[in-house]
Amino acid sequence: MDERRRASRVKVDLPARWEGVLTQQQGQITDLSINGCFVLSGGQVEPKELVRLEIVLPNQSPMYLWAEVVDAAYEIGFAVRFTATEDEDEKRLAEFIEAELRRS
């Protein structure tokens, strides 16, 4: 894969809530890119499951994103790929990631 096509990832500690087919849970976003994230959470999900994420960036209102589970680690968390975002939320996410990259 061409390195320029890979989305920049940042290590974060952001509060999140998520809702899947079977449950609603709270968690922490620990790894974030414009394309997806890792959610540290004890809730159970299945690969390819669609979940609705609420991510709270520092000093901002929550953003809501739809995502598909791409990997799950039982009782640890799961990785998702964002499937639908509002343009404004995508812009906010990109600006936050860029600021985090500049700080590191």
PDB file of N, CA and C in Angstrom:
ATOM      1  N   MET A   1       0.843  -1.187   0.000  1.00  0.00           N
ATOM      2  CA  MET A   1       0.000   0.000   0.000  1.00  0.00           C
ATOM      3  C   MET A   1       0.884   1.244   0.000  1.00  0.00           C
ATOM      4  N   ASP A   2       0.573   2.186  -0.826  1.00  0.00           N
ATOM      5  CA  ASP A   2       1.300   3.439  -0.912  1.00  0.00           C
ATOM      6  C   ASP A   2       1.145   4.203   0.401  1.00  0.00           C
ATOM      7  N   GLU A   3       2.265   4.598   1.011  1.00  0.00           N
ATOM      8  CA  GLU A   3       2.229   5.283   2.307  1.00  0.00           C
ATOM      9  C   GLU A   3       1.418   6.572   2.250  1.00  0.00           C
ATOM     10  N   ARG A   4       1.394   7.242   1.108  1.00  0.00           N
ATOM     11  CA  ARG A   4       0.635   8.495   1.014  1.00  0.00           C
ATOM     12  C   ARG A   4      -0.863   8.263   1.106  1.00  0.00           C
ATOM     13  N   ARG A   5      -1.311   7.058   0.834  1.00  0.00           N
ATOM     14  CA  ARG A   5      -2.744   6.752   0.900  1.00  0.00           C
ATOM     15  C   ARG A   5      -3.191   6.402   2.304  1.00  0.00           C
ATOM     16  N   ARG A   6      -2.265   6.069   3.165  1.00  0.00           N
ATOM     17  CA  ARG A   6      -2.630   5.708   4.535  1.00  0.00           C
ATOM     18  C   ARG A   6      -2.990   6.969   5.305  1.00  0.00           C
ATOM     19  N   ALA A   7      -4.036   6.888   6.058  1.00  0.00           N
ATOM     20  CA  ALA A   7      -4.464   8.034   6.862  1.00  0.00           C
ATOM     21  C   ALA A   7      -3.561   8.160   8.083  1.00  0.00           C
ATOM     22  N   SER A   8      -3.215   9.387   8.435  1.00  0.00           N
ATOM     23  CA  SER A   8      -2.431   9.636   9.640  1.00  0.00           C
ATOM     24  C   SER A   8      -3.244   9.228  10.855  1.00  0.00           C
ATOM     25  N   ARG A   9      -2.575   8.557  11.784  1.00  0.00           N
ATOM     26  CA  ARG A   9      -3.231   8.089  13.006  1.00  0.00           C
ATOM     27  C   ARG A   9      -2.611   8.806  14.189  1.00  0.00           C
ATOM     28  N   VAL A  10      -3.446   9.091  15.180  1.00  0.00           N
ATOM     29  CA  VAL A  10      -2.953   9.712  16.402  1.00  0.00           C
ATOM     30  C   VAL A  10      -3.432   8.908  17.608  1.00  0.00           C
ATOM     31  N   LYS A  11      -2.577   8.841  18.615  1.00  0.00           N
ATOM     32  CA  LYS A  11      -2.950   8.228  19.892  1.00  0.00           C
ATOM     33  C   LYS A  11      -3.717   9.285  20.678  1.00  0.00           C
ATOM     34  N   VAL A  12      -4.869   8.908  21.186  1.00  0.00           N
ATOM     35  CA  VAL A  12      -5.736   9.851  21.900  1.00  0.00           C
ATOM     36  C   VAL A  12      -6.354   9.157  23.109  1.00  0.00           C
ATOM     37  N   ASP A  13      -7.046   9.930  23.906  1.00  0.00           N
ATOM     38  CA  ASP A  13      -7.829   9.400  25.025  1.00  0.00           C
ATOM     39  C   ASP A  13      -9.109  10.228  25.074  1.00  0.00           C
ATOM     40  N   LEU A  14     -10.064   9.843  24.236  1.00  0.00           N
ATOM     41  CA  LEU A  14     -11.298  10.611  24.080  1.00  0.00           C
ATOM     42  C   LEU A  14     -12.493   9.796  24.554  1.00  0.00           C
ATOM     43  N   PRO A  15     -13.372  10.421  25.327  1.00  0.00           N
ATOM     44  CA  PRO A  15     -14.581   9.706  25.733  1.00  0.00           C
ATOM     45  C   PRO A  15     -15.494   9.443  24.536  1.00  0.00           C
ATOM     46  N   ALA A  16     -16.159   8.312  24.585  1.00  0.00           N
ATOM     47  CA  ALA A  16     -17.073   7.958  23.496  1.00  0.00           C
ATOM     48  C   ALA A  16     -18.223   7.135  24.053  1.00  0.00           C
ATOM     49  N   ARG A  17     -19.326   7.189  23.343  1.00  0.00           N
ATOM     50  CA  ARG A  17     -20.445   6.280  23.593  1.00  0.00           C
ATOM     51  C   ARG A  17     -20.735   5.630  22.264  1.00  0.00           C
ATOM     52  N   TRP A  18     -21.187   4.396  22.335  1.00  0.00           N
ATOM     53  CA  TRP A  18     -21.522   3.709  21.092  1.00  0.00           C
ATOM     54  C   TRP A  18     -22.749   2.851  21.284  1.00  0.00           C
ATOM     55  N   GLU A  19     -23.396   2.631  20.164  1.00  0.00           N
ATOM     56  CA  GLU A  19     -24.634   1.860  20.152  1.00  0.00           C
ATOM     57  C   GLU A  19     -24.565   0.860  19.014  1.00  0.00           C
ATOM     58  N   GLY A  20     -24.720  -0.408  19.356  1.00  0.00           N
ATOM     59  CA  GLY A  20     -24.719  -1.460  18.354  1.00  0.00           C
ATOM     60  C   GLY A  20     -26.042  -2.178  18.335  1.00  0.00           C
ATOM     61  N   VAL A  21     -26.078  -3.323  17.702  1.00  0.00           N
ATOM     62  CA  VAL A  21     -27.303  -4.105  17.595  1.00  0.00           C
ATOM     63  C   VAL A  21     -27.765  -4.590  18.965  1.00  0.00           C
ATOM     64  N   LEU A  22     -26.823  -5.020  19.782  1.00  0.00           N
ATOM     65  CA  LEU A  22     -27.172  -5.650  21.053  1.00  0.00           C
ATOM     66  C   LEU A  22     -27.077  -4.759  22.281  1.00  0.00           C
ATOM     67  N   THR A  23     -26.372  -3.641  22.198  1.00  0.00           N
ATOM     68  CA  THR A  23     -26.068  -2.902  23.414  1.00  0.00           C
ATOM     69  C   THR A  23     -25.734  -1.441  23.164  1.00  0.00           C
ATOM     70  N   GLN A  24     -25.762  -0.681  24.241  1.00  0.00           N
ATOM     71  CA  GLN A  24     -25.235   0.683  24.282  1.00  0.00           C
ATOM     72  C   GLN A  24     -24.168   0.696  25.358  1.00  0.00           C
ATOM     73  N   GLN A  25     -23.019   1.259  25.059  1.00  0.00           N
ATOM     74  CA  GLN A  25     -21.901   1.235  25.990  1.00  0.00           C
ATOM     75  C   GLN A  25     -21.131   2.555  25.938  1.00  0.00           C
ATOM     76  N   GLN A  26     -20.299   2.731  26.948  1.00  0.00           N
ATOM     77  CA  GLN A  26     -19.338   3.826  26.940  1.00  0.00           C
ATOM     78  C   GLN A  26     -17.969   3.243  26.682  1.00  0.00           C
ATOM     79  N   GLY A  27     -17.059   4.059  26.209  1.00  0.00           N
ATOM     80  CA  GLY A  27     -15.708   3.599  25.949  1.00  0.00           C
ATOM     81  C   GLY A  27     -14.766   4.778  25.804  1.00  0.00           C
ATOM     82  N   GLN A  28     -13.558   4.466  25.403  1.00  0.00           N
ATOM     83  CA  GLN A  28     -12.535   5.476  25.158  1.00  0.00           C
ATOM     84  C   GLN A  28     -11.959   5.231  23.768  1.00  0.00           C
ATOM     85  N   ILE A  29     -11.826   6.297  22.994  1.00  0.00           N
ATOM     86  CA  ILE A  29     -11.137   6.218  21.715  1.00  0.00           C
ATOM     87  C   ILE A  29      -9.649   6.331  22.029  1.00  0.00           C
ATOM     88  N   THR A  30      -8.849   5.332  21.612  1.00  0.00           N
ATOM     89  CA  THR A  30      -7.419   5.349  21.919  1.00  0.00           C
ATOM     90  C   THR A  30      -6.550   5.556  20.691  1.00  0.00           C
ATOM     91  N   ASP A  31      -7.107   5.374  19.510  1.00  0.00           N
ATOM     92  CA  ASP A  31      -6.368   5.502  18.263  1.00  0.00           C
ATOM     93  C   ASP A  31      -7.356   6.049  17.247  1.00  0.00           C
ATOM     94  N   LEU A  32      -6.963   7.130  16.537  1.00  0.00           N
ATOM     95  CA  LEU A  32      -7.930   7.825  15.687  1.00  0.00           C
ATOM     96  C   LEU A  32      -7.301   8.249  14.373  1.00  0.00           C
ATOM     97  N   SER A  33      -8.052   8.066  13.282  1.00  0.00           N
ATOM     98  CA  SER A  33      -7.675   8.608  11.975  1.00  0.00           C
ATOM     99  C   SER A  33      -8.942   9.151  11.334  1.00  0.00           C
ATOM    100  N   ILE A  34      -8.786   9.766  10.191  1.00  0.00           N
ATOM    101  CA  ILE A  34      -9.960  10.304   9.490  1.00  0.00           C
ATOM    102  C   ILE A  34     -10.851   9.163   8.994  1.00  0.00           C
ATOM    103  N   ASN A  35     -10.288   7.954   8.891  1.00  0.00           N
ATOM    104  CA  ASN A  35     -11.028   6.814   8.363  1.00  0.00           C
ATOM    105  C   ASN A  35     -11.632   5.897   9.412  1.00  0.00           C
ATOM    106  N   GLY A  36     -11.161   5.986  10.666  1.00  0.00           N
ATOM    107  CA  GLY A  36     -11.662   5.074  11.680  1.00  0.00           C
ATOM    108  C   GLY A  36     -10.968   5.262  13.011  1.00  0.00           C
ATOM    109  N   CYS A  37     -11.248   4.342  13.939  1.00  0.00           N
ATOM    110  CA  CYS A  37     -10.662   4.465  15.274  1.00  0.00           C
ATOM    111  C   CYS A  37     -10.714   3.125  15.995  1.00  0.00           C
ATOM    112  N   PHE A  38     -10.054   3.085  17.158  1.00  0.00           N
ATOM    113  CA  PHE A  38     -10.146   1.932  18.051  1.00  0.00           C
ATOM    114  C   PHE A  38     -10.887   2.383  19.297  1.00  0.00           C
ATOM    115  N   VAL A  39     -11.906   1.608  19.681  1.00  0.00           N
ATOM    116  CA  VAL A  39     -12.720   1.919  20.847  1.00  0.00           C
ATOM    117  C   VAL A  39     -12.390   0.906  21.944  1.00  0.00           C
ATOM    118  N   LEU A  40     -11.853   1.397  23.041  1.00  0.00           N
ATOM    119  CA  LEU A  40     -11.575   0.566  24.205  1.00  0.00           C
ATOM    120  C   LEU A  40     -12.882   0.438  24.977  1.00  0.00           C
ATOM    121  N   SER A  41     -13.457  -0.770  24.992  1.00  0.00           N
ATOM    122  CA  SER A  41     -14.767  -0.958  25.603  1.00  0.00           C
ATOM    123  C   SER A  41     -15.011  -2.438  25.835  1.00  0.00           C
ATOM    124  N   GLY A  42     -15.695  -2.756  26.912  1.00  0.00           N
ATOM    125  CA  GLY A  42     -16.004  -4.140  27.212  1.00  0.00           C
ATOM    126  C   GLY A  42     -17.212  -4.687  26.486  1.00  0.00           C
ATOM    127  N   GLY A  43     -17.928  -3.835  25.767  1.00  0.00           N
ATOM    128  CA  GLY A  43     -19.125  -4.298  25.070  1.00  0.00           C
ATOM    129  C   GLY A  43     -18.790  -5.244  23.936  1.00  0.00           C
ATOM    130  N   GLN A  44     -19.736  -6.083  23.574  1.00  0.00           N
ATOM    131  CA  GLN A  44     -19.519  -7.095  22.548  1.00  0.00           C
ATOM    132  C   GLN A  44     -20.077  -6.632  21.207  1.00  0.00           C
ATOM    133  N   VAL A  45     -19.254  -6.762  20.170  1.00  0.00           N
ATOM    134  CA  VAL A  45     -19.668  -6.449  18.798  1.00  0.00           C
ATOM    135  C   VAL A  45     -19.222  -7.592  17.895  1.00  0.00           C
ATOM    136  N   GLU A  46     -19.769  -7.616  16.706  1.00  0.00           N
ATOM    137  CA  GLU A  46     -19.411  -8.613  15.707  1.00  0.00           C
ATOM    138  C   GLU A  46     -18.776  -7.921  14.508  1.00  0.00           C
ATOM    139  N   PRO A  47     -17.807  -8.569  13.854  1.00  0.00           N
ATOM    140  CA  PRO A  47     -17.258  -7.988  12.621  1.00  0.00           C
ATOM    141  C   PRO A  47     -18.373  -7.679  11.625  1.00  0.00           C
ATOM    142  N   LYS A  48     -18.231  -6.577  10.948  1.00  0.00           N
ATOM    143  CA  LYS A  48     -19.178  -6.049   9.948  1.00  0.00           C
ATOM    144  C   LYS A  48     -20.430  -5.427  10.560  1.00  0.00           C
ATOM    145  N   GLU A  49     -20.536  -5.454  11.895  1.00  0.00           N
ATOM    146  CA  GLU A  49     -21.672  -4.814  12.549  1.00  0.00           C
ATOM    147  C   GLU A  49     -21.579  -3.298  12.377  1.00  0.00           C
ATOM    148  N   LEU A  50     -22.710  -2.661  12.146  1.00  0.00           N
ATOM    149  CA  LEU A  50     -22.750  -1.205  12.084  1.00  0.00           C
ATOM    150  C   LEU A  50     -23.011  -0.656  13.477  1.00  0.00           C
ATOM    151  N   VAL A  51     -22.212   0.323  13.884  1.00  0.00           N
ATOM    152  CA  VAL A  51     -22.395   0.960  15.178  1.00  0.00           C
ATOM    153  C   VAL A  51     -22.478   2.467  14.978  1.00  0.00           C
ATOM    154  N   ARG A  52     -23.152   3.101  15.899  1.00  0.00           N
ATOM    155  CA  ARG A  52     -23.245   4.562  15.907  1.00  0.00           C
ATOM    156  C   ARG A  52     -22.352   5.044  17.039  1.00  0.00           C
ATOM    157  N   LEU A  53     -21.377   5.884  16.698  1.00  0.00           N
ATOM    158  CA  LEU A  53     -20.425   6.402  17.674  1.00  0.00           C
ATOM    159  C   LEU A  53     -20.708   7.852  18.001  1.00  0.00           C
ATOM    160  N   GLU A  54     -20.583   8.179  19.258  1.00  0.00           N
ATOM    161  CA  GLU A  54     -20.592   9.574  19.702  1.00  0.00           C
ATOM    162  C   GLU A  54     -19.197   9.843  20.249  1.00  0.00           C
ATOM    163  N   ILE A  55     -18.462  10.726  19.588  1.00  0.00           N
ATOM    164  CA  ILE A  55     -17.097  11.067  19.993  1.00  0.00           C
ATOM    165  C   ILE A  55     -17.097  12.500  20.485  1.00  0.00           C
ATOM    166  N   VAL A  56     -16.438  12.717  21.619  1.00  0.00           N
ATOM    167  CA  VAL A  56     -16.369  14.060  22.189  1.00  0.00           C
ATOM    168  C   VAL A  56     -14.932  14.555  22.087  1.00  0.00           C
ATOM    169  N   LEU A  57     -14.699  15.502  21.176  1.00  0.00           N
ATOM    170  CA  LEU A  57     -13.395  16.141  21.062  1.00  0.00           C
ATOM    171  C   LEU A  57     -13.276  17.203  22.148  1.00  0.00           C
ATOM    172  N   PRO A  58     -12.059  17.496  22.617  1.00  0.00           N
ATOM    173  CA  PRO A  58     -11.890  18.478  23.692  1.00  0.00           C
ATOM    174  C   PRO A  58     -12.519  19.837  23.339  1.00  0.00           C
ATOM    175  N   ASN A  59     -13.275  20.385  24.285  1.00  0.00           N
ATOM    176  CA  ASN A  59     -13.889  21.711  24.154  1.00  0.00           C
ATOM    177  C   ASN A  59     -14.799  21.849  22.937  1.00  0.00           C
ATOM    178  N   GLN A  60     -15.430  20.763  22.528  1.00  0.00           N
ATOM    179  CA  GLN A  60     -16.342  20.806  21.390  1.00  0.00           C
ATOM    180  C   GLN A  60     -17.596  19.998  21.708  1.00  0.00           C
ATOM    181  N   SER A  61     -18.628  20.245  20.928  1.00  0.00           N
ATOM    182  CA  SER A  61     -19.841  19.450  21.078  1.00  0.00           C
ATOM    183  C   SER A  61     -19.598  18.060  20.491  1.00  0.00           C
ATOM    184  N   PRO A  62     -20.359  17.063  20.923  1.00  0.00           N
ATOM    185  CA  PRO A  62     -20.152  15.701  20.421  1.00  0.00           C
ATOM    186  C   PRO A  62     -20.388  15.606  18.912  1.00  0.00           C
ATOM    187  N   MET A  63     -19.708  14.653  18.290  1.00  0.00           N
ATOM    188  CA  MET A  63     -19.976  14.345  16.884  1.00  0.00           C
ATOM    189  C   MET A  63     -20.495  12.917  16.812  1.00  0.00           C
ATOM    190  N   TYR A  64     -21.345  12.666  15.852  1.00  0.00           N
ATOM    191  CA  TYR A  64     -21.980  11.365  15.700  1.00  0.00           C
ATOM    192  C   TYR A  64     -21.589  10.784  14.353  1.00  0.00           C
ATOM    193  N   LEU A  65     -21.074   9.550  14.375  1.00  0.00           N
ATOM    194  CA  LEU A  65     -20.598   8.915  13.160  1.00  0.00           C
ATOM    195  C   LEU A  65     -21.121   7.484  13.081  1.00  0.00           C
ATOM    196  N   TRP A  66     -21.382   7.018  11.885  1.00  0.00           N
ATOM    197  CA  TRP A  66     -21.703   5.607  11.667  1.00  0.00           C
ATOM    198  C   TRP A  66     -20.415   4.917  11.259  1.00  0.00           C
ATOM    199  N   ALA A  67     -20.226   3.703  11.771  1.00  0.00           N
ATOM    200  CA  ALA A  67     -18.994   2.982  11.497  1.00  0.00           C
ATOM    201  C   ALA A  67     -19.259   1.488  11.414  1.00  0.00           C
ATOM    202  N   GLU A  68     -18.393   0.794  10.676  1.00  0.00           N
ATOM    203  CA  GLU A  68     -18.463  -0.656  10.551  1.00  0.00           C
ATOM    204  C   GLU A  68     -17.321  -1.279  11.355  1.00  0.00           C
ATOM    205  N   VAL A  69     -17.649  -2.262  12.165  1.00  0.00           N
ATOM    206  CA  VAL A  69     -16.632  -2.971  12.945  1.00  0.00           C
ATOM    207  C   VAL A  69     -15.762  -3.779  11.979  1.00  0.00           C
ATOM    208  N   VAL A  70     -14.442  -3.553  12.052  1.00  0.00           N
ATOM    209  CA  VAL A  70     -13.521  -4.288  11.184  1.00  0.00           C
ATOM    210  C   VAL A  70     -12.700  -5.315  11.965  1.00  0.00           C
ATOM    211  N   ASP A  71     -12.626  -5.159  13.284  1.00  0.00           N
ATOM    212  CA  ASP A  71     -11.900  -6.107  14.119  1.00  0.00           C
ATOM    213  C   ASP A  71     -12.412  -5.961  15.548  1.00  0.00           C
ATOM    214  N   ALA A  72     -12.488  -7.062  16.264  1.00  0.00           N
ATOM    215  CA  ALA A  72     -12.967  -7.018  17.646  1.00  0.00           C
ATOM    216  C   ALA A  72     -12.086  -7.897  18.518  1.00  0.00           C
ATOM    217  N   ALA A  73     -11.733  -7.380  19.685  1.00  0.00           N
ATOM    218  CA  ALA A  73     -10.976  -8.139  20.681  1.00  0.00           C
ATOM    219  C   ALA A  73     -11.874  -8.272  21.899  1.00  0.00           C
ATOM    220  N   TYR A  74     -12.361  -9.461  22.153  1.00  0.00           N
ATOM    221  CA  TYR A  74     -13.332  -9.710  23.216  1.00  0.00           C
ATOM    222  C   TYR A  74     -12.903  -9.086  24.535  1.00  0.00           C
ATOM    223  N   GLU A  75     -13.804  -8.319  25.150  1.00  0.00           N
ATOM    224  CA  GLU A  75     -13.609  -7.660  26.446  1.00  0.00           C
ATOM    225  C   GLU A  75     -12.501  -6.609  26.454  1.00  0.00           C
ATOM    226  N   ILE A  76     -11.946  -6.266  25.275  1.00  0.00           N
ATOM    227  CA  ILE A  76     -10.925  -5.221  25.202  1.00  0.00           C
ATOM    228  C   ILE A  76     -11.458  -4.035  24.412  1.00  0.00           C
ATOM    229  N   GLY A  77     -11.940  -4.308  23.218  1.00  0.00           N
ATOM    230  CA  GLY A  77     -12.445  -3.228  22.385  1.00  0.00           C
ATOM    231  C   GLY A  77     -12.566  -3.669  20.939  1.00  0.00           C
ATOM    232  N   PHE A  78     -12.704  -2.678  20.055  1.00  0.00           N
ATOM    233  CA  PHE A  78     -12.900  -2.988  18.648  1.00  0.00           C
ATOM    234  C   PHE A  78     -12.454  -1.833  17.772  1.00  0.00           C
ATOM    235  N   ALA A  79     -12.091  -2.187  16.544  1.00  0.00           N
ATOM    236  CA  ALA A  79     -11.691  -1.201  15.543  1.00  0.00           C
ATOM    237  C   ALA A  79     -12.841  -1.005  14.565  1.00  0.00           C
ATOM    238  N   VAL A  80     -13.033   0.241  14.149  1.00  0.00           N
ATOM    239  CA  VAL A  80     -14.090   0.552  13.192  1.00  0.00           C
ATOM    240  C   VAL A  80     -13.545   1.381  12.041  1.00  0.00           C
ATOM    241  N   ARG A  81     -14.255   1.284  10.929  1.00  0.00           N
ATOM    242  CA  ARG A  81     -14.022   2.144   9.779  1.00  0.00           C
ATOM    243  C   ARG A  81     -15.263   3.018   9.644  1.00  0.00           C
ATOM    244  N   PHE A  82     -15.059   4.329   9.595  1.00  0.00           N
ATOM    245  CA  PHE A  82     -16.193   5.238   9.474  1.00  0.00           C
ATOM    246  C   PHE A  82     -16.858   5.032   8.119  1.00  0.00           C
ATOM    247  N   THR A  83     -18.192   4.972   8.134  1.00  0.00           N
ATOM    248  CA  THR A  83     -18.936   4.756   6.893  1.00  0.00           C
ATOM    249  C   THR A  83     -19.768   5.956   6.490  1.00  0.00           C
ATOM    250  N   ALA A  84     -20.161   6.770   7.463  1.00  0.00           N
ATOM    251  CA  ALA A  84     -20.969   7.951   7.148  1.00  0.00           C
ATOM    252  C   ALA A  84     -20.699   9.037   8.177  1.00  0.00           C
ATOM    253  N   THR A  85     -20.305  10.195   7.679  1.00  0.00           N
ATOM    254  CA  THR A  85     -20.084  11.345   8.557  1.00  0.00           C
ATOM    255  C   THR A  85     -20.657  12.591   7.895  1.00  0.00           C
ATOM    256  N   GLU A  86     -21.103  13.497   8.707  1.00  0.00           N
ATOM    257  CA  GLU A  86     -21.530  14.797   8.205  1.00  0.00           C
ATOM    258  C   GLU A  86     -20.276  15.558   7.767  1.00  0.00           C
ATOM    259  N   ASP A  87     -20.395  16.394   6.754  1.00  0.00           N
ATOM    260  CA  ASP A  87     -19.241  17.164   6.273  1.00  0.00           C
ATOM    261  C   ASP A  87     -18.597  17.977   7.390  1.00  0.00           C
ATOM    262  N   GLU A  88     -19.425  18.599   8.218  1.00  0.00           N
ATOM    263  CA  GLU A  88     -18.900  19.424   9.307  1.00  0.00           C
ATOM    264  C   GLU A  88     -18.124  18.573  10.315  1.00  0.00           C
ATOM    265  N   ASP A  89     -18.637  17.390  10.640  1.00  0.00           N
ATOM    266  CA  ASP A  89     -17.936  16.504  11.574  1.00  0.00           C
ATOM    267  C   ASP A  89     -16.630  16.002  10.972  1.00  0.00           C
ATOM    268  N   GLU A  90     -16.639  15.686   9.685  1.00  0.00           N
ATOM    269  CA  GLU A  90     -15.410  15.237   9.028  1.00  0.00           C
ATOM    270  C   GLU A  90     -14.355  16.340   9.066  1.00  0.00           C
ATOM    271  N   LYS A  91     -14.777  17.567   8.863  1.00  0.00           N
ATOM    272  CA  LYS A  91     -13.854  18.710   8.916  1.00  0.00           C
ATOM    273  C   LYS A  91     -13.295  18.865  10.332  1.00  0.00           C
ATOM    274  N   ARG A  92     -14.166  18.795  11.337  1.00  0.00           N
ATOM    275  CA  ARG A  92     -13.716  18.913  12.726  1.00  0.00           C
ATOM    276  C   ARG A  92     -12.729  17.812  13.081  1.00  0.00           C
ATOM    277  N   LEU A  93     -13.014  16.603  12.626  1.00  0.00           N
ATOM    278  CA  LEU A  93     -12.144  15.468  12.888  1.00  0.00           C
ATOM    279  C   LEU A  93     -10.775  15.674  12.235  1.00  0.00           C
ATOM    280  N   ALA A  94     -10.766  16.091  10.992  1.00  0.00           N
ATOM    281  CA  ALA A  94      -9.511  16.331  10.270  1.00  0.00           C
ATOM    282  C   ALA A  94      -8.690  17.431  10.949  1.00  0.00           C
ATOM    283  N   GLU A  95      -9.340  18.501  11.377  1.00  0.00           N
ATOM    284  CA  GLU A  95      -8.629  19.591  12.059  1.00  0.00           C
ATOM    285  C   GLU A  95      -8.051  19.130  13.392  1.00  0.00           C
ATOM    286  N   PHE A  96      -8.795  18.316  14.134  1.00  0.00           N
ATOM    287  CA  PHE A  96      -8.313  17.797  15.407  1.00  0.00           C
ATOM    288  C   PHE A  96      -7.093  16.902  15.192  1.00  0.00           C
ATOM    289  N   ILE A  97      -7.159  15.997  14.220  1.00  0.00           N
ATOM    290  CA  ILE A  97      -6.039  15.082  13.934  1.00  0.00           C
ATOM    291  C   ILE A  97      -4.811  15.872  13.515  1.00  0.00           C
ATOM    292  N   GLU A  98      -4.996  16.848  12.654  1.00  0.00           N
ATOM    293  CA  GLU A  98      -3.874  17.683  12.191  1.00  0.00           C
ATOM    294  C   GLU A  98      -3.219  18.407  13.370  1.00  0.00           C
ATOM    295  N   ALA A  99      -4.030  18.947  14.266  1.00  0.00           N
ATOM    296  CA  ALA A  99      -3.485  19.646  15.452  1.00  0.00           C
ATOM    297  C   ALA A  99      -2.722  18.666  16.336  1.00  0.00           C
ATOM    298  N   GLU A 100      -3.234  17.451  16.524  1.00  0.00           N
ATOM    299  CA  GLU A 100      -2.556  16.441  17.325  1.00  0.00           C
ATOM    300  C   GLU A 100      -1.224  16.037  16.695  1.00  0.00           C
ATOM    301  N   LEU A 101      -1.194  15.919  15.377  1.00  0.00           N
ATOM    302  CA  LEU A 101       0.041  15.559  14.686  1.00  0.00           C
ATOM    303  C   LEU A 101       1.093  16.646  14.851  1.00  0.00           C
ATOM    304  N   ARG A 102       0.670  17.902  14.820  1.00  0.00           N
ATOM    305  CA  ARG A 102       1.616  19.018  14.997  1.00  0.00           C
ATOM    306  C   ARG A 102       2.194  19.018  16.395  1.00  0.00           C
ATOM    307  N   ARG A 103       1.400  18.607  17.372  1.00  0.00           N
ATOM    308  CA  ARG A 103       1.867  18.609  18.774  1.00  0.00           C
ATOM    309  C   ARG A 103       2.835  17.472  19.070  1.00  0.00           C
ATOM    310  N   SER A 104       2.767  16.407  18.300  1.00  0.00           N
ATOM    311  CA  SER A 104       3.624  15.254  18.621  1.00  0.00           C
ATOM    312  C   SER A 104       4.970  15.307  17.932  1.00  0.00           C
TER     313      SER A 104
END
